[in-house]
Amino acid sequence: MTRARTKTALLLAAALASGGCPRDTNVPVAVHRAAVSATPPARPAPAGRRLLEPGLWVERVRVAPDVAPVVGDGYLTLLRADPARFDLTLERAGSIDGALTAEAWAASRGLVAAVNASMFSPDGRSVGLMVDGAAEPNGRDHPAYGGFLAFGARRAGAPAVTLPGRSCAGFDLGALRASYRAVVQNYRLLDCDGAAIPWRDEKVYSAAVVGVDRAGRVVFGHARSPFTMTVLALALARPALEMAAAVFVEGGPEASLYARSSGAALRAIGSYETGFRPDDSNTAYWPLPNVLGLRRRAAR
């Protein structure tokens, strides 16, 4: 694990030094801010989306139909959850020593699904801002990270989940932290209007993403086939996917998505990463010190 996390730290440092991070600060300010309604209206699953249980859908779409992937089938898996039926949670080990795989996190915490929360340093701390109530695993605002996933509303009438960007109109990090129990910061893939953000990073890798769609659902995504993040962002921005906002949460073999519903399990495991694992050989989840999870809400 030390070697794996040193890899992530080195890649992050190299990206920042070479301008490899997304052009987050260059995105024009727009009027729209992605937010999820506290009680969004129930909607039927569109064609291509499979209902796993009430309020939970899964679909698979081609990332780039006109581009042959280096390895794999070239598909992106999206898991959508209605926040009126599922609570978004942040599960933390606090260190590498306590890290679990996404599947083990789900089993130990009673989660329906789990995905990476963010990239993390060798000691297990999130590289970007991460706060959960009184706990602040990392209270520092990372200047290169422009997306802020916030949930656990502290005031009546606030959206259950919101994912604003630093450049979006009216953004105020202090107010966001005061309004929500949990805030997790990551690189953005979509801008304030849901359009793709170009990345300067030309490497290709498996990827895990988290977002919200225009119907107010939380979205966990995973692409095992490696693409540049610009190509993945363009895929997420397609109107048919109805995405309002999305952030990159991890790449390479550590990118993980797990879900279990009605006896059926979804296991999406990362593999390829330019300069680290340039093949498709990884078949097992890697331990993660922090994950975002979905937990069924108690019937009311």
C-alpha atoms as a PDB file:
ATOM      1  CA  MET A   1       0.000   0.000   0.000  1.00  0.00           C
ATOM      2  CA  THR A   2       2.825   2.428   0.687  1.00  0.00           C
ATOM      3  CA  ARG A   3       4.132   1.932  -2.830  1.00  0.00           C
ATOM      4  CA  ALA A   4       0.653   2.403  -4.303  1.00  0.00           C
ATOM      5  CA  ARG A   5      -0.016   5.635  -2.465  1.00  0.00           C
ATOM      6  CA  THR A   6       3.446   6.980  -3.224  1.00  0.00           C
ATOM      7  CA  LYS A   7       2.481   6.460  -6.866  1.00  0.00           C
ATOM      8  CA  THR A   8      -0.617   8.624  -6.488  1.00  0.00           C
ATOM      9  CA  ALA A   9       1.269  11.358  -4.664  1.00  0.00           C
ATOM     10  CA  LEU A  10       3.990  11.424  -7.319  1.00  0.00           C
ATOM     11  CA  LEU A  11       1.489  11.522 -10.182  1.00  0.00           C
ATOM     12  CA  LEU A  12      -0.399  14.363  -8.518  1.00  0.00           C
ATOM     13  CA  ALA A  13       2.802  16.331  -7.966  1.00  0.00           C
ATOM     14  CA  ALA A  14       3.842  15.760 -11.565  1.00  0.00           C
ATOM     15  CA  ALA A  15       0.441  16.844 -12.834  1.00  0.00           C
ATOM     16  CA  LEU A  16       0.552  20.072 -10.877  1.00  0.00           C
ATOM     17  CA  ALA A  17       4.126  20.793 -11.916  1.00  0.00           C
ATOM     18  CA  SER A  18       3.393  20.212 -15.609  1.00  0.00           C
ATOM     19  CA  GLY A  19      -0.007  21.855 -15.717  1.00  0.00           C
ATOM     20  CA  GLY A  20      -1.631  18.451 -15.995  1.00  0.00           C
ATOM     21  CA  CYS A  21      -4.627  19.297 -13.839  1.00  0.00           C
ATOM     22  CA  PRO A  22      -7.964  20.268 -15.450  1.00  0.00           C
ATOM     23  CA  ARG A  23      -8.449  23.861 -16.493  1.00  0.00           C
ATOM     24  CA  ASP A  24     -10.856  24.418 -13.642  1.00  0.00           C
ATOM     25  CA  THR A  25      -9.979  28.040 -12.984  1.00  0.00           C
ATOM     26  CA  ASN A  26     -10.456  28.931 -16.663  1.00  0.00           C
ATOM     27  CA  VAL A  27     -14.082  27.815 -16.858  1.00  0.00           C
ATOM     28  CA  PRO A  28     -16.388  30.813 -17.416  1.00  0.00           C
ATOM     29  CA  VAL A  29     -18.809  31.672 -14.638  1.00  0.00           C
ATOM     30  CA  ALA A  30     -22.270  30.388 -15.519  1.00  0.00           C
ATOM     31  CA  VAL A  31     -25.691  30.833 -14.009  1.00  0.00           C
ATOM     32  CA  HIS A  32     -26.521  27.181 -13.331  1.00  0.00           C
ATOM     33  CA  ARG A  33     -25.355  25.493 -10.127  1.00  0.00           C
ATOM     34  CA  ALA A  34     -25.888  21.756  -9.892  1.00  0.00           C
ATOM     35  CA  ALA A  35     -28.023  20.851  -6.890  1.00  0.00           C
ATOM     36  CA  VAL A  36     -30.214  17.942  -5.904  1.00  0.00           C
ATOM     37  CA  SER A  37     -33.727  18.435  -4.674  1.00  0.00           C
ATOM     38  CA  ALA A  38     -34.342  17.165  -1.142  1.00  0.00           C
ATOM     39  CA  THR A  39     -37.346  15.184  -2.397  1.00  0.00           C
ATOM     40  CA  PRO A  40     -37.113  14.881  -6.190  1.00  0.00           C
ATOM     41  CA  PRO A  41     -40.187  13.579  -8.006  1.00  0.00           C
ATOM     42  CA  ALA A  42     -40.176   9.899  -8.879  1.00  0.00           C
ATOM     43  CA  ARG A  43     -39.429   9.308 -12.547  1.00  0.00           C
ATOM     44  CA  PRO A  44     -39.507   6.118 -14.600  1.00  0.00           C
ATOM     45  CA  ALA A  45     -36.184   4.711 -15.760  1.00  0.00           C
ATOM     46  CA  PRO A  46     -35.458   5.867 -19.348  1.00  0.00           C
ATOM     47  CA  ALA A  47     -34.627   3.338 -22.026  1.00  0.00           C
ATOM     48  CA  GLY A  48     -31.253   1.735 -21.379  1.00  0.00           C
ATOM     49  CA  ARG A  49     -31.416   2.130 -17.600  1.00  0.00           C
ATOM     50  CA  ARG A  50     -32.104  -0.975 -15.546  1.00  0.00           C
ATOM     51  CA  LEU A  51     -34.008  -0.614 -12.293  1.00  0.00           C
ATOM     52  CA  LEU A  52     -32.214  -2.531  -9.525  1.00  0.00           C
ATOM     53  CA  GLU A  53     -34.723  -1.555  -6.839  1.00  0.00           C
ATOM     54  CA  PRO A  54     -36.978   1.451  -6.255  1.00  0.00           C
ATOM     55  CA  GLY A  55     -34.822   4.550  -6.587  1.00  0.00           C
ATOM     56  CA  LEU A  56     -31.704   2.795  -7.897  1.00  0.00           C
ATOM     57  CA  TRP A  57     -30.787   2.440 -11.582  1.00  0.00           C
ATOM     58  CA  VAL A  58     -27.763   1.178 -13.512  1.00  0.00           C
ATOM     59  CA  GLU A  59     -26.776   1.715 -17.140  1.00  0.00           C
ATOM     60  CA  ARG A  60     -23.797   1.151 -19.411  1.00  0.00           C
ATOM     61  CA  VAL A  61     -22.880   3.500 -22.240  1.00  0.00           C
ATOM     62  CA  ARG A  62     -20.022   3.690 -24.715  1.00  0.00           C
ATOM     63  CA  VAL A  63     -17.460   6.305 -23.689  1.00  0.00           C
ATOM     64  CA  ALA A  64     -16.302   7.146 -27.203  1.00  0.00           C
ATOM     65  CA  PRO A  65     -18.053   5.140 -29.953  1.00  0.00           C
ATOM     66  CA  ASP A  66     -15.606   6.435 -32.572  1.00  0.00           C
ATOM     67  CA  VAL A  67     -12.457   5.686 -30.527  1.00  0.00           C
ATOM     68  CA  ALA A  68     -11.183   2.154 -29.986  1.00  0.00           C
ATOM     69  CA  PRO A  69     -10.085   1.739 -26.352  1.00  0.00           C
ATOM     70  CA  VAL A  70      -6.526   0.653 -25.598  1.00  0.00           C
ATOM     71  CA  VAL A  71      -7.957  -2.280 -23.632  1.00  0.00           C
ATOM     72  CA  GLY A  72     -11.418  -3.361 -22.478  1.00  0.00           C
ATOM     73  CA  ASP A  73     -14.875  -2.831 -23.916  1.00  0.00           C
ATOM     74  CA  GLY A  74     -14.897   0.972 -23.813  1.00  0.00           C
ATOM     75  CA  TYR A  75     -18.014   1.257 -21.645  1.00  0.00           C
ATOM     76  CA  LEU A  76     -18.895   3.551 -18.749  1.00  0.00           C
ATOM     77  CA  THR A  77     -21.087   2.180 -15.934  1.00  0.00           C
ATOM     78  CA  LEU A  78     -23.374   4.654 -14.157  1.00  0.00           C
ATOM     79  CA  LEU A  79     -25.289   3.922 -10.943  1.00  0.00           C
ATOM     80  CA  ARG A  80     -28.004   6.483 -10.154  1.00  0.00           C
ATOM     81  CA  ALA A  81     -29.661   6.805  -6.742  1.00  0.00           C
ATOM     82  CA  ASP A  82     -32.676   8.846  -5.679  1.00  0.00           C
ATOM     83  CA  PRO A  83     -31.684  10.802  -2.517  1.00  0.00           C
ATOM     84  CA  ALA A  84     -35.263  10.494  -1.284  1.00  0.00           C
ATOM     85  CA  ARG A  85     -34.586   6.753  -0.880  1.00  0.00           C
ATOM     86  CA  PHE A  86     -30.821   6.635  -0.280  1.00  0.00           C
ATOM     87  CA  ASP A  87     -28.535   8.658   1.969  1.00  0.00           C
ATOM     88  CA  LEU A  88     -25.086   9.598   0.701  1.00  0.00           C
ATOM     89  CA  THR A  89     -22.434   8.849   3.344  1.00  0.00           C
ATOM     90  CA  LEU A  90     -18.704   9.343   3.830  1.00  0.00           C
ATOM     91  CA  GLU A  91     -16.943   6.322   5.332  1.00  0.00           C
ATOM     92  CA  ARG A  92     -13.407   6.877   6.660  1.00  0.00           C
ATOM     93  CA  ALA A  93     -10.733   4.597   8.040  1.00  0.00           C
ATOM     94  CA  GLY A  94      -8.499   7.537   8.924  1.00  0.00           C
ATOM     95  CA  SER A  95      -5.316   5.782   7.794  1.00  0.00           C
ATOM     96  CA  ILE A  96      -3.910   3.299   5.309  1.00  0.00           C
ATOM     97  CA  ASP A  97      -3.786   0.656   8.046  1.00  0.00           C
ATOM     98  CA  GLY A  98      -7.568   0.667   8.291  1.00  0.00           C
ATOM     99  CA  ALA A  99      -8.249   0.771   4.550  1.00  0.00           C
ATOM    100  CA  LEU A 100     -10.843  -1.628   3.089  1.00  0.00           C
ATOM    101  CA  THR A 101     -11.904  -2.494  -0.430  1.00  0.00           C
ATOM    102  CA  ALA A 102     -15.129  -0.945  -1.767  1.00  0.00           C
ATOM    103  CA  GLU A 103     -16.841  -4.323  -1.377  1.00  0.00           C
ATOM    104  CA  ALA A 104     -15.624  -4.695   2.216  1.00  0.00           C
ATOM    105  CA  TRP A 105     -16.711  -1.137   3.061  1.00  0.00           C
ATOM    106  CA  ALA A 106     -20.209  -1.954   1.792  1.00  0.00           C
ATOM    107  CA  ALA A 107     -20.386  -5.172   3.810  1.00  0.00           C
ATOM    108  CA  SER A 108     -19.046  -3.650   7.030  1.00  0.00           C
ATOM    109  CA  ARG A 109     -21.127  -0.450   6.949  1.00  0.00           C
ATOM    110  CA  GLY A 110     -24.393  -1.764   5.521  1.00  0.00           C
ATOM    111  CA  LEU A 111     -24.063   0.120   2.241  1.00  0.00           C
ATOM    112  CA  VAL A 112     -25.888  -0.562  -0.984  1.00  0.00           C
ATOM    113  CA  ALA A 113     -22.955   0.886  -2.956  1.00  0.00           C
ATOM    114  CA  ALA A 114     -19.474   2.293  -2.465  1.00  0.00           C
ATOM    115  CA  VAL A 115     -17.077   4.280  -4.657  1.00  0.00           C
ATOM    116  CA  ASN A 116     -13.810   6.152  -4.118  1.00  0.00           C
ATOM    117  CA  ALA A 117     -14.253   9.391  -2.162  1.00  0.00           C
ATOM    118  CA  SER A 118     -11.080  11.060  -3.455  1.00  0.00           C
ATOM    119  CA  MET A 119      -7.400  10.574  -4.197  1.00  0.00           C
ATOM    120  CA  PHE A 120      -5.393  10.168  -1.027  1.00  0.00           C
ATOM    121  CA  SER A 121      -1.832  10.613   0.211  1.00  0.00           C
ATOM    122  CA  PRO A 122       0.468   7.881   1.600  1.00  0.00           C
ATOM    123  CA  ASP A 123      -0.941   8.370   5.116  1.00  0.00           C
ATOM    124  CA  GLY A 124      -4.519   7.816   3.888  1.00  0.00           C
ATOM    125  CA  ARG A 125      -5.665  11.437   4.094  1.00  0.00           C
ATOM    126  CA  SER A 126      -7.676  12.906   1.239  1.00  0.00           C
ATOM    127  CA  VAL A 127      -5.567  15.144  -0.996  1.00  0.00           C
ATOM    128  CA  GLY A 128      -8.425  17.629  -1.265  1.00  0.00           C
ATOM    129  CA  LEU A 129     -10.666  19.169   1.378  1.00  0.00           C
ATOM    130  CA  MET A 130     -12.607  16.549   3.339  1.00  0.00           C
ATOM    131  CA  VAL A 131     -14.803  17.394   6.312  1.00  0.00           C
ATOM    132  CA  ASP A 132     -17.488  15.314   8.014  1.00  0.00           C
ATOM    133  CA  GLY A 133     -19.172  17.102  10.894  1.00  0.00           C
ATOM    134  CA  ALA A 134     -16.634  17.915  13.586  1.00  0.00           C
ATOM    135  CA  ALA A 135     -14.066  15.636  11.923  1.00  0.00           C
ATOM    136  CA  GLU A 136     -11.710  17.254   9.425  1.00  0.00           C
ATOM    137  CA  PRO A 137      -9.510  14.593   7.832  1.00  0.00           C
ATOM    138  CA  ASN A 138      -8.226  17.433   5.650  1.00  0.00           C
ATOM    139  CA  GLY A 139      -9.483  20.952   6.336  1.00  0.00           C
ATOM    140  CA  ARG A 140      -7.358  22.556   3.610  1.00  0.00           C
ATOM    141  CA  ASP A 141      -8.916  23.869   0.411  1.00  0.00           C
ATOM    142  CA  HIS A 142      -6.753  22.485  -2.416  1.00  0.00           C
ATOM    143  CA  PRO A 143      -6.345  25.340  -4.954  1.00  0.00           C
ATOM    144  CA  ALA A 144      -6.287  23.014  -7.983  1.00  0.00           C
ATOM    145  CA  TYR A 145      -9.478  21.149  -7.042  1.00  0.00           C
ATOM    146  CA  GLY A 146     -12.615  22.985  -8.146  1.00  0.00           C
ATOM    147  CA  GLY A 147     -15.503  20.615  -7.335  1.00  0.00           C
ATOM    148  CA  PHE A 148     -17.164  20.408  -3.906  1.00  0.00           C
ATOM    149  CA  LEU A 149     -19.582  17.562  -3.197  1.00  0.00           C
ATOM    150  CA  ALA A 150     -21.670  18.522  -0.153  1.00  0.00           C
ATOM    151  CA  PHE A 151     -24.361  16.510   1.643  1.00  0.00           C
ATOM    152  CA  GLY A 152     -26.017  16.159   5.018  1.00  0.00           C
ATOM    153  CA  ALA A 153     -27.964  19.432   4.942  1.00  0.00           C
ATOM    154  CA  ARG A 154     -28.007  21.353   8.220  1.00  0.00           C
ATOM    155  CA  ARG A 155     -30.940  23.631   7.440  1.00  0.00           C
ATOM    156  CA  ALA A 156     -34.497  22.964   6.368  1.00  0.00           C
ATOM    157  CA  GLY A 157     -35.137  23.388   2.689  1.00  0.00           C
ATOM    158  CA  ALA A 158     -31.508  22.928   1.603  1.00  0.00           C
ATOM    159  CA  PRO A 159     -30.893  20.437  -1.229  1.00  0.00           C
ATOM    160  CA  ALA A 160     -29.966  16.977   0.058  1.00  0.00           C
ATOM    161  CA  VAL A 161     -26.834  16.936  -2.104  1.00  0.00           C
ATOM    162  CA  THR A 162     -25.102  19.651  -4.095  1.00  0.00           C
ATOM    163  CA  LEU A 163     -21.998  19.724  -6.292  1.00  0.00           C
ATOM    164  CA  PRO A 164     -21.046  23.324  -7.102  1.00  0.00           C
ATOM    165  CA  GLY A 165     -17.807  24.410  -8.718  1.00  0.00           C
ATOM    166  CA  ARG A 166     -15.429  27.076  -7.521  1.00  0.00           C
ATOM    167  CA  SER A 167     -16.036  29.174 -10.647  1.00  0.00           C
ATOM    168  CA  CYS A 168     -19.844  28.915 -10.491  1.00  0.00           C
ATOM    169  CA  ALA A 169     -21.900  32.015  -9.782  1.00  0.00           C
ATOM    170  CA  GLY A 170     -22.444  32.645  -6.090  1.00  0.00           C
ATOM    171  CA  PHE A 171     -20.006  29.985  -4.880  1.00  0.00           C
ATOM    172  CA  ASP A 172     -19.036  30.495  -1.226  1.00  0.00           C
ATOM    173  CA  LEU A 173     -17.067  27.707   0.436  1.00  0.00           C
ATOM    174  CA  GLY A 174     -17.640  29.068   3.931  1.00  0.00           C
ATOM    175  CA  ALA A 175     -21.386  29.130   3.408  1.00  0.00           C
ATOM    176  CA  LEU A 176     -21.300  25.654   1.880  1.00  0.00           C
ATOM    177  CA  ARG A 177     -19.478  24.234   4.891  1.00  0.00           C
ATOM    178  CA  ALA A 178     -21.907  25.935   7.249  1.00  0.00           C
ATOM    179  CA  SER A 179     -24.883  24.487   5.362  1.00  0.00           C
ATOM    180  CA  TYR A 180     -23.698  20.870   5.061  1.00  0.00           C
ATOM    181  CA  ARG A 181     -22.214  18.309   7.414  1.00  0.00           C
ATOM    182  CA  ALA A 182     -19.903  16.756   4.825  1.00  0.00           C
ATOM    183  CA  VAL A 183     -17.863  18.336   2.027  1.00  0.00           C
ATOM    184  CA  VAL A 184     -15.460  16.405  -0.242  1.00  0.00           C
ATOM    185  CA  GLN A 185     -13.313  18.219  -2.802  1.00  0.00           C
ATOM    186  CA  ASN A 186     -12.099  16.818  -6.144  1.00  0.00           C
ATOM    187  CA  TYR A 187     -11.165  17.747  -9.721  1.00  0.00           C
ATOM    188  CA  ARG A 188     -14.155  18.671 -11.880  1.00  0.00           C
ATOM    189  CA  LEU A 189     -15.089  16.926 -15.118  1.00  0.00           C
ATOM    190  CA  LEU A 190     -18.139  19.082 -15.939  1.00  0.00           C
ATOM    191  CA  ASP A 191     -18.509  22.840 -15.612  1.00  0.00           C
ATOM    192  CA  CYS A 192     -21.309  24.931 -14.125  1.00  0.00           C
ATOM    193  CA  ASP A 193     -23.597  24.197 -17.076  1.00  0.00           C
ATOM    194  CA  GLY A 194     -22.789  20.492 -17.272  1.00  0.00           C
ATOM    195  CA  ALA A 195     -20.408  20.921 -20.234  1.00  0.00           C
ATOM    196  CA  ALA A 196     -17.107  19.027 -20.474  1.00  0.00           C
ATOM    197  CA  ILE A 197     -14.006  20.612 -18.928  1.00  0.00           C
ATOM    198  CA  PRO A 198     -10.857  20.031 -21.040  1.00  0.00           C
ATOM    199  CA  TRP A 199      -7.960  18.489 -19.122  1.00  0.00           C
ATOM    200  CA  ARG A 200      -4.319  19.129 -19.990  1.00  0.00           C
ATOM    201  CA  ASP A 201      -3.425  15.645 -18.722  1.00  0.00           C
ATOM    202  CA  GLU A 202      -2.991  13.422 -21.794  1.00  0.00           C
ATOM    203  CA  LYS A 203      -2.512  10.155 -19.871  1.00  0.00           C
ATOM    204  CA  VAL A 204      -5.186   7.462 -20.105  1.00  0.00           C
ATOM    205  CA  TYR A 205      -6.458   5.434 -17.173  1.00  0.00           C
ATOM    206  CA  SER A 206      -9.387   3.642 -15.617  1.00  0.00           C
ATOM    207  CA  ALA A 207     -11.518   6.135 -13.707  1.00  0.00           C
ATOM    208  CA  ALA A 208     -14.158   6.480 -11.000  1.00  0.00           C
ATOM    209  CA  VAL A 209     -16.443   9.516 -10.955  1.00  0.00           C
ATOM    210  CA  VAL A 210     -19.202  10.956  -8.769  1.00  0.00           C
ATOM    211  CA  GLY A 211     -21.871  13.390  -9.884  1.00  0.00           C
ATOM    212  CA  VAL A 212     -25.478  14.500  -9.838  1.00  0.00           C
ATOM    213  CA  ASP A 213     -27.926  14.412 -12.723  1.00  0.00           C
ATOM    214  CA  ARG A 214     -30.598  16.889 -13.733  1.00  0.00           C
ATOM    215  CA  ALA A 215     -33.354  14.780 -12.150  1.00  0.00           C
ATOM    216  CA  GLY A 216     -31.677  15.179  -8.749  1.00  0.00           C
ATOM    217  CA  ARG A 217     -30.052  11.752  -8.484  1.00  0.00           C
ATOM    218  CA  VAL A 218     -26.611  10.973  -7.075  1.00  0.00           C
ATOM    219  CA  VAL A 219     -24.459   9.228  -9.698  1.00  0.00           C
ATOM    220  CA  PHE A 220     -21.518   6.867  -9.120  1.00  0.00           C
ATOM    221  CA  GLY A 221     -19.590   6.096 -12.320  1.00  0.00           C
ATOM    222  CA  HIS A 222     -16.782   3.807 -13.421  1.00  0.00           C
ATOM    223  CA  ALA A 223     -14.866   3.201 -16.648  1.00  0.00           C
ATOM    224  CA  ARG A 224     -12.394   0.312 -16.607  1.00  0.00           C
ATOM    225  CA  SER A 225     -11.230   1.004 -20.158  1.00  0.00           C
ATOM    226  CA  PRO A 226      -8.643   3.794 -20.120  1.00  0.00           C
ATOM    227  CA  PHE A 227      -9.355   7.148 -21.733  1.00  0.00           C
ATOM    228  CA  THR A 228      -8.095  10.670 -21.232  1.00  0.00           C
ATOM    229  CA  MET A 229     -10.256  12.582 -18.784  1.00  0.00           C
ATOM    230  CA  THR A 230     -11.186  15.020 -21.556  1.00  0.00           C
ATOM    231  CA  VAL A 231     -12.738  12.145 -23.510  1.00  0.00           C
ATOM    232  CA  LEU A 232     -14.516  10.874 -20.388  1.00  0.00           C
ATOM    233  CA  ALA A 233     -15.810  14.376 -19.614  1.00  0.00           C
ATOM    234  CA  LEU A 234     -17.199  14.678 -23.155  1.00  0.00           C
ATOM    235  CA  ALA A 235     -19.005  11.363 -22.680  1.00  0.00           C
ATOM    236  CA  LEU A 236     -20.546  12.513 -19.379  1.00  0.00           C
ATOM    237  CA  ALA A 237     -21.659  15.780 -20.985  1.00  0.00           C
ATOM    238  CA  ARG A 238     -23.876  14.086 -23.580  1.00  0.00           C
ATOM    239  CA  PRO A 239     -27.439  15.423 -23.228  1.00  0.00           C
ATOM    240  CA  ALA A 240     -28.866  11.888 -23.124  1.00  0.00           C
ATOM    241  CA  LEU A 241     -27.070  11.230 -19.814  1.00  0.00           C
ATOM    242  CA  GLU A 242     -28.676  14.304 -18.194  1.00  0.00           C
ATOM    243  CA  MET A 243     -25.625  15.012 -16.022  1.00  0.00           C
ATOM    244  CA  ALA A 244     -25.526  18.339 -14.189  1.00  0.00           C
ATOM    245  CA  ALA A 245     -22.109  18.017 -12.501  1.00  0.00           C
ATOM    246  CA  ALA A 246     -19.355  15.435 -12.082  1.00  0.00           C
ATOM    247  CA  VAL A 247     -15.945  15.098 -10.436  1.00  0.00           C
ATOM    248  CA  PHE A 248     -13.041  12.676 -10.875  1.00  0.00           C
ATOM    249  CA  VAL A 249     -12.401  10.732  -7.669  1.00  0.00           C
ATOM    250  CA  GLU A 250      -9.642   8.246  -8.614  1.00  0.00           C
ATOM    251  CA  GLY A 251      -7.811   6.653 -11.530  1.00  0.00           C
ATOM    252  CA  GLY A 252      -5.947   3.460 -12.364  1.00  0.00           C
ATOM    253  CA  PRO A 253      -6.270   0.176 -10.459  1.00  0.00           C
ATOM    254  CA  GLU A 254      -7.613   1.908  -7.340  1.00  0.00           C
ATOM    255  CA  ALA A 255     -10.718   3.203  -9.170  1.00  0.00           C
ATOM    256  CA  SER A 256     -13.547   1.147  -7.645  1.00  0.00           C
ATOM    257  CA  LEU A 257     -17.329   0.850  -7.759  1.00  0.00           C
ATOM    258  CA  TYR A 258     -19.331  -1.796  -5.932  1.00  0.00           C
ATOM    259  CA  ALA A 259     -23.081  -2.217  -5.494  1.00  0.00           C
ATOM    260  CA  ARG A 260     -25.384  -4.977  -4.294  1.00  0.00           C
ATOM    261  CA  SER A 261     -29.149  -4.957  -4.668  1.00  0.00           C
ATOM    262  CA  SER A 262     -31.800  -7.690  -4.714  1.00  0.00           C
ATOM    263  CA  GLY A 263     -29.124 -10.359  -4.703  1.00  0.00           C
ATOM    264  CA  ALA A 264     -27.296  -8.979  -7.757  1.00  0.00           C
ATOM    265  CA  ALA A 265     -23.827  -7.498  -7.357  1.00  0.00           C
ATOM    266  CA  LEU A 266     -22.127  -4.866  -9.519  1.00  0.00           C
ATOM    267  CA  ARG A 267     -18.331  -5.106  -9.356  1.00  0.00           C
ATOM    268  CA  ALA A 268     -16.347  -2.514 -11.354  1.00  0.00           C
ATOM    269  CA  ILE A 269     -12.577  -2.664 -10.801  1.00  0.00           C
ATOM    270  CA  GLY A 270      -9.934  -0.307 -12.189  1.00  0.00           C
ATOM    271  CA  SER A 271      -6.795  -1.466 -13.963  1.00  0.00           C
ATOM    272  CA  TYR A 272      -4.921   0.467 -16.660  1.00  0.00           C
ATOM    273  CA  GLU A 273      -2.911   3.602 -15.927  1.00  0.00           C
ATOM    274  CA  THR A 274      -0.274   5.204 -18.157  1.00  0.00           C
ATOM    275  CA  GLY A 275       3.130   4.997 -16.503  1.00  0.00           C
ATOM    276  CA  PHE A 276       1.985   2.788 -13.615  1.00  0.00           C
ATOM    277  CA  ARG A 277      -0.020  -0.229 -14.796  1.00  0.00           C
ATOM    278  CA  PRO A 278      -0.063  -0.155 -18.614  1.00  0.00           C
ATOM    279  CA  ASP A 279      -2.089  -3.360 -18.976  1.00  0.00           C
ATOM    280  CA  ASP A 280      -5.497  -4.782 -18.125  1.00  0.00           C
ATOM    281  CA  SER A 281      -4.315  -7.412 -15.640  1.00  0.00           C
ATOM    282  CA  ASN A 282      -5.768  -6.155 -12.349  1.00  0.00           C
ATOM    283  CA  THR A 283      -8.783  -8.220 -11.273  1.00  0.00           C
ATOM    284  CA  ALA A 284      -9.086  -7.379  -7.557  1.00  0.00           C
ATOM    285  CA  TYR A 285     -10.259  -4.335  -5.625  1.00  0.00           C
ATOM    286  CA  TRP A 286      -7.541  -2.294  -3.927  1.00  0.00           C
ATOM    287  CA  PRO A 287      -8.020  -1.081  -0.319  1.00  0.00           C
ATOM    288  CA  LEU A 288      -9.273   2.492   0.086  1.00  0.00           C
ATOM    289  CA  PRO A 289      -9.119   4.589   3.283  1.00  0.00           C
ATOM    290  CA  ASN A 290     -12.127   6.719   2.280  1.00  0.00           C
ATOM    291  CA  VAL A 291     -15.264   5.919   0.276  1.00  0.00           C
ATOM    292  CA  LEU A 292     -18.586   7.506  -0.540  1.00  0.00           C
ATOM    293  CA  GLY A 293     -21.481   5.167   0.113  1.00  0.00           C
ATOM    294  CA  LEU A 294     -25.204   4.808  -0.441  1.00  0.00           C
ATOM    295  CA  ARG A 295     -27.379   3.598   2.428  1.00  0.00           C
ATOM    296  CA  ARG A 296     -31.093   2.867   2.204  1.00  0.00           C
ATOM    297  CA  ARG A 297     -33.183   5.409   4.082  1.00  0.00           C
ATOM    298  CA  ALA A 298     -35.480   4.081   6.770  1.00  0.00           C
ATOM    299  CA  ALA A 299     -39.136   3.915   5.758  1.00  0.00           C
ATOM    300  CA  ARG A 300     -41.170   6.854   7.076  1.00  0.00           C
END
